[in-house]
Amino acid sequence: MRAHRYAIRTTLSTTAAAILMILAMTPAQAAAPTPSVPDALIFSQADAKTRAIAAAEPEALRATANLCGSGYQLSTADRLPEPNRRLGTLFLYSKSTASTIYVCALFDNNTGSSKYMKLKLCPNRAGATCPTDEGNFSRYAGPVRISGDYRYVGCSTVTAIMKNSKSSSAALIDRVTGAYTCNR
């Protein structure tokens, strides 16, 4: 009975605090729209899935875009290991000049706890150096970047691995995908 009264009292206190916060808001704060994603942050040819992730997670999109640097646009976002069970999100950004493509990858940890993560970005070239970021991360792995001629960077691959620890034999996420679509 005592535990039941405590639970009711706690629930009422929490509810009352929430109501007071709402009442304390100015009309402008209460009417403030949910932050949207500026079109400048999304690549014009990004697919519907990527656009939906960006719309659902505008703060994550802004934070990861800032890590890549100025001028990068989101070209792909993947919830991993699958859309219905998300442990991580792979963000791929790109920008280009007349002769050079730049690709930046970040692997967001959505588990709420530190995991062993490895993010590797490889240009499509024999013997190429593949920038890699790996270790135990509670927030994200990366950014890792490559740049160069379209033939090599445009068809590059990104590897995203997440495990409970480096020595774990089973991966929670093990994804290899294209970093930028070759035929854009």
C-alpha atoms as a PDB file:
ATOM      1  CA  MET A   1       0.000   0.000   0.000  1.00  0.00           C
ATOM      2  CA  ARG A   2       2.846   2.375   0.894  1.00  0.00           C
ATOM      3  CA  ALA A   3       4.586   1.655  -2.456  1.00  0.00           C
ATOM      4  CA  HIS A   4       1.309   2.273  -4.271  1.00  0.00           C
ATOM      5  CA  ARG A   5       0.873   5.689  -2.584  1.00  0.00           C
ATOM      6  CA  TYR A   6       4.479   6.571  -3.444  1.00  0.00           C
ATOM      7  CA  ALA A   7       3.902   5.660  -7.114  1.00  0.00           C
ATOM      8  CA  ILE A   8       0.752   7.800  -7.234  1.00  0.00           C
ATOM      9  CA  ARG A   9       2.518  10.712  -5.513  1.00  0.00           C
ATOM     10  CA  THR A  10       5.478  10.450  -7.928  1.00  0.00           C
ATOM     11  CA  THR A  11       3.170  10.339 -10.954  1.00  0.00           C
ATOM     12  CA  LEU A  12       1.212  13.355  -9.717  1.00  0.00           C
ATOM     13  CA  SER A  13       4.431  15.278  -9.022  1.00  0.00           C
ATOM     14  CA  THR A  14       5.765  14.530 -12.501  1.00  0.00           C
ATOM     15  CA  THR A  15       2.465  15.504 -14.130  1.00  0.00           C
ATOM     16  CA  ALA A  16       2.250  18.713 -12.105  1.00  0.00           C
ATOM     17  CA  ALA A  17       5.819  19.646 -13.050  1.00  0.00           C
ATOM     18  CA  ALA A  18       5.053  19.102 -16.751  1.00  0.00           C
ATOM     19  CA  ILE A  19       1.915  21.262 -16.529  1.00  0.00           C
ATOM     20  CA  LEU A  20       3.833  24.044 -14.753  1.00  0.00           C
ATOM     21  CA  MET A  21       6.528  23.964 -17.466  1.00  0.00           C
ATOM     22  CA  ILE A  22       3.882  24.311 -20.177  1.00  0.00           C
ATOM     23  CA  LEU A  23       2.145  27.166 -18.322  1.00  0.00           C
ATOM     24  CA  ALA A  24       5.478  28.948 -17.809  1.00  0.00           C
ATOM     25  CA  MET A  25       6.194  28.996 -21.550  1.00  0.00           C
ATOM     26  CA  THR A  26       5.752  32.230 -23.423  1.00  0.00           C
ATOM     27  CA  PRO A  27       3.245  32.054 -26.302  1.00  0.00           C
ATOM     28  CA  ALA A  28       6.153  32.170 -28.745  1.00  0.00           C
ATOM     29  CA  GLN A  29       7.833  29.171 -27.094  1.00  0.00           C
ATOM     30  CA  ALA A  30       4.610  27.182 -27.024  1.00  0.00           C
ATOM     31  CA  ALA A  31       3.972  27.897 -30.699  1.00  0.00           C
ATOM     32  CA  ALA A  32       7.561  27.264 -31.811  1.00  0.00           C
ATOM     33  CA  PRO A  33       7.601  24.781 -34.678  1.00  0.00           C
ATOM     34  CA  THR A  34       9.636  21.602 -34.600  1.00  0.00           C
ATOM     35  CA  PRO A  35      13.026  22.369 -36.170  1.00  0.00           C
ATOM     36  CA  SER A  36      13.028  21.512 -39.848  1.00  0.00           C
ATOM     37  CA  VAL A  37      15.953  20.535 -42.003  1.00  0.00           C
ATOM     38  CA  PRO A  38      17.242  23.202 -44.395  1.00  0.00           C
ATOM     39  CA  ASP A  39      17.271  22.017 -48.008  1.00  0.00           C
ATOM     40  CA  ALA A  40      20.913  23.123 -48.219  1.00  0.00           C
ATOM     41  CA  LEU A  41      21.859  20.220 -45.910  1.00  0.00           C
ATOM     42  CA  ILE A  42      20.342  17.515 -48.125  1.00  0.00           C
ATOM     43  CA  PHE A  43      21.712  16.423 -51.486  1.00  0.00           C
ATOM     44  CA  SER A  44      19.162  17.073 -54.234  1.00  0.00           C
ATOM     45  CA  GLN A  45      19.241  13.410 -55.326  1.00  0.00           C
ATOM     46  CA  ALA A  46      18.901  11.924 -51.819  1.00  0.00           C
ATOM     47  CA  ASP A  47      16.290   9.161 -51.733  1.00  0.00           C
ATOM     48  CA  ALA A  48      12.981   9.251 -49.836  1.00  0.00           C
ATOM     49  CA  LYS A  49      14.338   7.070 -47.001  1.00  0.00           C
ATOM     50  CA  THR A  50      17.225   9.473 -46.393  1.00  0.00           C
ATOM     51  CA  ARG A  51      14.865  12.465 -46.481  1.00  0.00           C
ATOM     52  CA  ALA A  52      12.538  10.769 -43.968  1.00  0.00           C
ATOM     53  CA  ILE A  53      15.418  10.088 -41.552  1.00  0.00           C
ATOM     54  CA  ALA A  54      16.583  13.696 -41.895  1.00  0.00           C
ATOM     55  CA  ALA A  55      13.077  14.993 -41.178  1.00  0.00           C
ATOM     56  CA  ALA A  56      12.690  12.704 -38.150  1.00  0.00           C
ATOM     57  CA  GLU A  57      16.123  13.573 -36.723  1.00  0.00           C
ATOM     58  CA  PRO A  58      16.905  17.211 -37.642  1.00  0.00           C
ATOM     59  CA  GLU A  59      19.182  17.793 -34.638  1.00  0.00           C
ATOM     60  CA  ALA A  60      21.282  14.680 -35.399  1.00  0.00           C
ATOM     61  CA  LEU A  61      21.512  15.776 -39.023  1.00  0.00           C
ATOM     62  CA  ARG A  62      22.722  19.272 -38.081  1.00  0.00           C
ATOM     63  CA  ALA A  63      25.236  17.906 -35.557  1.00  0.00           C
ATOM     64  CA  THR A  64      26.757  15.374 -37.951  1.00  0.00           C
ATOM     65  CA  ALA A  65      26.822  17.884 -40.834  1.00  0.00           C
ATOM     66  CA  ASN A  66      28.807  20.284 -38.632  1.00  0.00           C
ATOM     67  CA  LEU A  67      31.351  17.544 -37.933  1.00  0.00           C
ATOM     68  CA  CYS A  68      31.984  17.052 -41.661  1.00  0.00           C
ATOM     69  CA  GLY A  69      32.489  20.753 -42.299  1.00  0.00           C
ATOM     70  CA  SER A  70      31.220  23.493 -44.523  1.00  0.00           C
ATOM     71  CA  GLY A  71      29.394  22.729 -47.749  1.00  0.00           C
ATOM     72  CA  TYR A  72      28.667  19.038 -47.181  1.00  0.00           C
ATOM     73  CA  GLN A  73      25.172  17.732 -47.952  1.00  0.00           C
ATOM     74  CA  LEU A  74      23.546  14.538 -46.706  1.00  0.00           C
ATOM     75  CA  SER A  75      23.499  12.029 -49.551  1.00  0.00           C
ATOM     76  CA  THR A  76      22.544   8.891 -47.609  1.00  0.00           C
ATOM     77  CA  ALA A  77      21.304   8.012 -44.128  1.00  0.00           C
ATOM     78  CA  ASP A  78      20.776   4.405 -43.041  1.00  0.00           C
ATOM     79  CA  ARG A  79      19.301   3.168 -39.786  1.00  0.00           C
ATOM     80  CA  LEU A  80      21.251   0.080 -38.846  1.00  0.00           C
ATOM     81  CA  PRO A  81      20.992  -2.862 -38.606  1.00  0.00           C
ATOM     82  CA  GLU A  82      17.500  -2.370 -40.082  1.00  0.00           C
ATOM     83  CA  PRO A  83      14.816   0.312 -40.073  1.00  0.00           C
ATOM     84  CA  ASN A  84      12.706  -1.275 -37.304  1.00  0.00           C
ATOM     85  CA  ARG A  85      15.592  -1.983 -34.917  1.00  0.00           C
ATOM     86  CA  ARG A  86      18.022   0.923 -34.884  1.00  0.00           C
ATOM     87  CA  LEU A  87      21.281   0.619 -32.970  1.00  0.00           C
ATOM     88  CA  GLY A  88      23.158   3.081 -35.146  1.00  0.00           C
ATOM     89  CA  THR A  89      22.686   5.493 -38.005  1.00  0.00           C
ATOM     90  CA  LEU A  90      25.180   5.810 -40.849  1.00  0.00           C
ATOM     91  CA  PHE A  91      25.337   9.332 -42.280  1.00  0.00           C
ATOM     92  CA  LEU A  92      27.115   9.911 -45.600  1.00  0.00           C
ATOM     93  CA  TYR A  93      27.763  13.456 -46.768  1.00  0.00           C
ATOM     94  CA  SER A  94      29.253  14.742 -49.996  1.00  0.00           C
ATOM     95  CA  LYS A  95      30.245  17.905 -51.782  1.00  0.00           C
ATOM     96  CA  SER A  96      31.967  18.539 -55.081  1.00  0.00           C
ATOM     97  CA  THR A  97      33.841  20.998 -57.202  1.00  0.00           C
ATOM     98  CA  ALA A  98      34.397  20.821 -60.952  1.00  0.00           C
ATOM     99  CA  SER A  99      37.105  18.177 -60.579  1.00  0.00           C
ATOM    100  CA  THR A 100      36.903  16.772 -57.038  1.00  0.00           C
ATOM    101  CA  ILE A 101      34.348  14.874 -54.972  1.00  0.00           C
ATOM    102  CA  TYR A 102      34.537  14.934 -51.187  1.00  0.00           C
ATOM    103  CA  VAL A 103      32.834  12.247 -49.079  1.00  0.00           C
ATOM    104  CA  CYS A 104      32.462  12.312 -45.297  1.00  0.00           C
ATOM    105  CA  ALA A 105      31.018   9.460 -43.201  1.00  0.00           C
ATOM    106  CA  LEU A 106      29.795   9.356 -39.593  1.00  0.00           C
ATOM    107  CA  PHE A 107      28.409   6.402 -37.688  1.00  0.00           C
ATOM    108  CA  ASP A 108      26.035   7.493 -34.914  1.00  0.00           C
ATOM    109  CA  ASN A 109      25.670   5.254 -31.825  1.00  0.00           C
ATOM    110  CA  ASN A 110      21.970   5.117 -30.887  1.00  0.00           C
ATOM    111  CA  THR A 111      22.251   2.501 -28.105  1.00  0.00           C
ATOM    112  CA  GLY A 112      22.752   4.876 -25.197  1.00  0.00           C
ATOM    113  CA  SER A 113      25.907   3.048 -24.076  1.00  0.00           C
ATOM    114  CA  SER A 114      29.498   2.756 -25.208  1.00  0.00           C
ATOM    115  CA  LYS A 115      30.132   0.175 -27.945  1.00  0.00           C
ATOM    116  CA  TYR A 116      33.115  -0.859 -30.028  1.00  0.00           C
ATOM    117  CA  MET A 117      32.613   0.838 -33.392  1.00  0.00           C
ATOM    118  CA  LYS A 118      34.610   0.838 -36.592  1.00  0.00           C
ATOM    119  CA  LEU A 119      33.993   3.154 -39.531  1.00  0.00           C
ATOM    120  CA  LYS A 120      36.101   2.774 -42.676  1.00  0.00           C
ATOM    121  CA  LEU A 121      35.839   4.688 -45.969  1.00  0.00           C
ATOM    122  CA  CYS A 122      37.700   3.294 -48.986  1.00  0.00           C
ATOM    123  CA  PRO A 123      38.123   4.802 -52.447  1.00  0.00           C
ATOM    124  CA  ASN A 124      37.606   2.455 -55.393  1.00  0.00           C
ATOM    125  CA  ARG A 125      41.291   2.039 -56.173  1.00  0.00           C
ATOM    126  CA  ALA A 126      43.749  -0.819 -55.659  1.00  0.00           C
ATOM    127  CA  GLY A 127      46.179  -0.131 -52.828  1.00  0.00           C
ATOM    128  CA  ALA A 128      44.321   2.957 -51.659  1.00  0.00           C
ATOM    129  CA  THR A 129      44.547   4.135 -48.063  1.00  0.00           C
ATOM    130  CA  CYS A 130      41.223   3.752 -46.248  1.00  0.00           C
ATOM    131  CA  PRO A 131      40.671   6.324 -43.490  1.00  0.00           C
ATOM    132  CA  THR A 132      39.349   4.488 -40.412  1.00  0.00           C
ATOM    133  CA  ASP A 133      38.051   5.488 -36.997  1.00  0.00           C
ATOM    134  CA  GLU A 134      37.620   2.717 -34.452  1.00  0.00           C
ATOM    135  CA  GLY A 135      37.343   2.350 -30.716  1.00  0.00           C
ATOM    136  CA  ASN A 136      34.763   2.409 -27.939  1.00  0.00           C
ATOM    137  CA  PHE A 137      32.326   5.248 -28.550  1.00  0.00           C
ATOM    138  CA  SER A 138      29.145   6.300 -26.806  1.00  0.00           C
ATOM    139  CA  ARG A 139      28.204   8.934 -29.396  1.00  0.00           C
ATOM    140  CA  TYR A 140      29.697   8.312 -32.856  1.00  0.00           C
ATOM    141  CA  ALA A 141      32.631   7.051 -34.899  1.00  0.00           C
ATOM    142  CA  GLY A 142      34.115   9.412 -37.449  1.00  0.00           C
ATOM    143  CA  PRO A 143      34.143  11.592 -39.270  1.00  0.00           C
ATOM    144  CA  VAL A 144      36.255   9.890 -41.900  1.00  0.00           C
ATOM    145  CA  ARG A 145      36.812  11.638 -45.222  1.00  0.00           C
ATOM    146  CA  ILE A 146      38.146  10.982 -48.684  1.00  0.00           C
ATOM    147  CA  SER A 147      38.381  13.194 -51.716  1.00  0.00           C
ATOM    148  CA  GLY A 148      39.541  12.913 -55.269  1.00  0.00           C
ATOM    149  CA  ASP A 149      38.551  12.067 -58.784  1.00  0.00           C
ATOM    150  CA  TYR A 150      34.970  10.953 -59.352  1.00  0.00           C
ATOM    151  CA  ARG A 151      36.069   7.493 -60.620  1.00  0.00           C
ATOM    152  CA  TYR A 152      37.656   6.633 -57.282  1.00  0.00           C
ATOM    153  CA  VAL A 153      35.610   8.522 -54.747  1.00  0.00           C
ATOM    154  CA  GLY A 154      32.272   8.247 -56.536  1.00  0.00           C
ATOM    155  CA  CYS A 155      32.318   4.468 -56.252  1.00  0.00           C
ATOM    156  CA  SER A 156      33.905   4.210 -52.817  1.00  0.00           C
ATOM    157  CA  THR A 157      32.715   1.878 -50.046  1.00  0.00           C
ATOM    158  CA  VAL A 158      32.000   2.461 -46.395  1.00  0.00           C
ATOM    159  CA  THR A 159      32.136  -0.189 -43.667  1.00  0.00           C
ATOM    160  CA  ALA A 160      30.264   0.272 -40.373  1.00  0.00           C
ATOM    161  CA  ILE A 161      30.750  -2.284 -37.582  1.00  0.00           C
ATOM    162  CA  MET A 162      29.357  -2.216 -34.039  1.00  0.00           C
ATOM    163  CA  LYS A 163      29.992  -4.798 -31.328  1.00  0.00           C
ATOM    164  CA  ASN A 164      29.531  -4.918 -27.585  1.00  0.00           C
ATOM    165  CA  SER A 165      33.340  -5.058 -27.347  1.00  0.00           C
ATOM    166  CA  LYS A 166      36.251  -5.386 -29.777  1.00  0.00           C
ATOM    167  CA  SER A 167      36.736  -9.035 -28.774  1.00  0.00           C
ATOM    168  CA  SER A 168      33.048  -9.944 -29.291  1.00  0.00           C
ATOM    169  CA  SER A 169      32.643 -12.482 -32.041  1.00  0.00           C
ATOM    170  CA  ALA A 170      29.105 -11.406 -32.956  1.00  0.00           C
ATOM    171  CA  ALA A 171      28.566  -8.017 -34.533  1.00  0.00           C
ATOM    172  CA  LEU A 172      25.475  -5.995 -33.692  1.00  0.00           C
ATOM    173  CA  ILE A 173      25.988  -4.162 -36.992  1.00  0.00           C
ATOM    174  CA  ASP A 174      28.188  -5.223 -39.906  1.00  0.00           C
ATOM    175  CA  ARG A 175      27.359  -3.176 -43.005  1.00  0.00           C
ATOM    176  CA  VAL A 176      29.354  -2.549 -46.163  1.00  0.00           C
ATOM    177  CA  THR A 177      27.702  -0.190 -48.622  1.00  0.00           C
ATOM    178  CA  GLY A 178      28.488   2.311 -51.340  1.00  0.00           C
ATOM    179  CA  ALA A 179      29.464   5.710 -50.019  1.00  0.00           C
ATOM    180  CA  TYR A 180      28.238   7.518 -53.099  1.00  0.00           C
ATOM    181  CA  THR A 181      26.226   6.162 -55.990  1.00  0.00           C
ATOM    182  CA  CYS A 182      28.434   5.599 -59.030  1.00  0.00           C
ATOM    183  CA  ASN A 183      25.845   6.625 -61.584  1.00  0.00           C
ATOM    184  CA  ARG A 184      24.844  10.057 -60.206  1.00  0.00           C
END
